[in-house]
Amino acid sequence: REGEQEDKKEKQSSNLLKVNHIPFFWHVPRTGGTTLSALLARCHGLVQATSSFSSPRLFARGNDAALASRFRDPTLYTVQTGGEQYVNVDLDSLEGVQRAVGGKLIGKDLADVVAVPDVRLGSLLFGGNKGQIQGTEGGSGDEARGPANEKEYKGVLFAMFRHPIDRAVSWFYHKQTVKDSVHYDPSLEIYSLTDWINSPSYVTDYMVRTLVGKIDSWSMRRPDDAASPGPGYGSFRPPVPLTQNDLDVAKEILRRKCVVGLLEEKGETMSRFERFFGWNADVRRASLTLLEGEGAAEAAQAERLKGAGDEECEDRLLHWDWANKNRAYPELEREGDHAVAYNLLESKNRYDIELYMYARQLFEEQFIQLGFDDNAVDGKLDAVTTLP
């Protein structure tokens, strides 16, 4: 009987749903997401499924007819541009997400990282993504089908945060002056910062709205859209009012689902992301050695780091070549020449400011909660609830 019970336990264990966790990055504009995307591509060799809002290379694909055509192909696969690897999807719109779902982006294990500007829209990628693990030895793999080999995919949310007032100022001057950016809006050239904040296109409490689904699609559309009558993205519709409950929901999403990073702590943040998701070269090499042997591990590590070249890759991006860093724009203060703009931004982002302060608190708490204090990150994934 004891043997029967062991066999029963083993059978039950083999019938458990196998879960594959996918790093799922929420890119809040002007929080360092573009640099993070470049770092993951160049220094870690990761394949990304992302959007034009996160990757300048994807945004610039219109200059390459052959590359652009691949992003219209109904079949999804990896493409290379500028030495970086991407899946041929653009997740900046509902249409782009639907194309990715139709092409089974998640179920085919095409991407190491998924990055989106809209969390709720991006979470559609994980709805109903269950696949079958194919046989690895002999046969056609038919024997591997069935409930015992079912595989489910879960997104693990991570994001970087920045003080909403600093972020808004940076975003305005970036959109106004950086002509090769996806965010560039020529209509803003005649606007002051205060004009933009008071314009109907300014999105109040952007982060909370995105998390709770109260941000209209016009706010994410490109400024060259023909429907756009003025500054910002797309045509204007009155914003849906936010409530204290919306803020509470947004906080709970971060608490339960998000690995938090801070722009002002970008070095520590990147270190945490690497350790949590196993992007550290030594972690990856050790895991692969156990699975496929020393030779395979060495070859994979060399291939992934090809182009990165040396240990200075990440340091260069984080501290020397930080994308769009330190552009000339005034620092706002509550009193002084820019007091009007500061107070306007504060009043229009009161929920976002509170959410940001809560994110800072979580950043401190996760140091222990997720095991960053004792190098015991392995096995801490259950501390973060996965998507959807």
Foldseek 3Di string as FASTA:
>chain_A
DVVVVVVVVVVVVLLDAAEDEAAEEAEAPPFQQLLVLVCCFQAQVWEEAEALQNYLQRVPCVVPVVLLVQLVDLAWAWDDDPSGIYISFHQLDLVRLVSCLSNLVPLVVHGNHYYYNFVVSNLVSQPPNKDFDADDDDDRRPVRDDSSGIYGYWYFYEYEDEQQLVSLQLLLVCLPPVVSGQSPAVLCVPPDLVRVLPDQLDAFQVQLCRQQVQDDSQQSAGNVPPQRPGPGGHDGDHTDDDDPVSLVSSLVCCQAGYDYHYSVPVVVRVVVVCLLSVSPLVSQLVVVCVVPNNVVSVVVSCVRNVSCPDPCSSVCCSPPCPDPPPDDDDDDDCDDDRVVSVVSNCVRHVSNNVSSVSSVVVNVVCCPQCVVVPSPNPPSSVSHDTGD
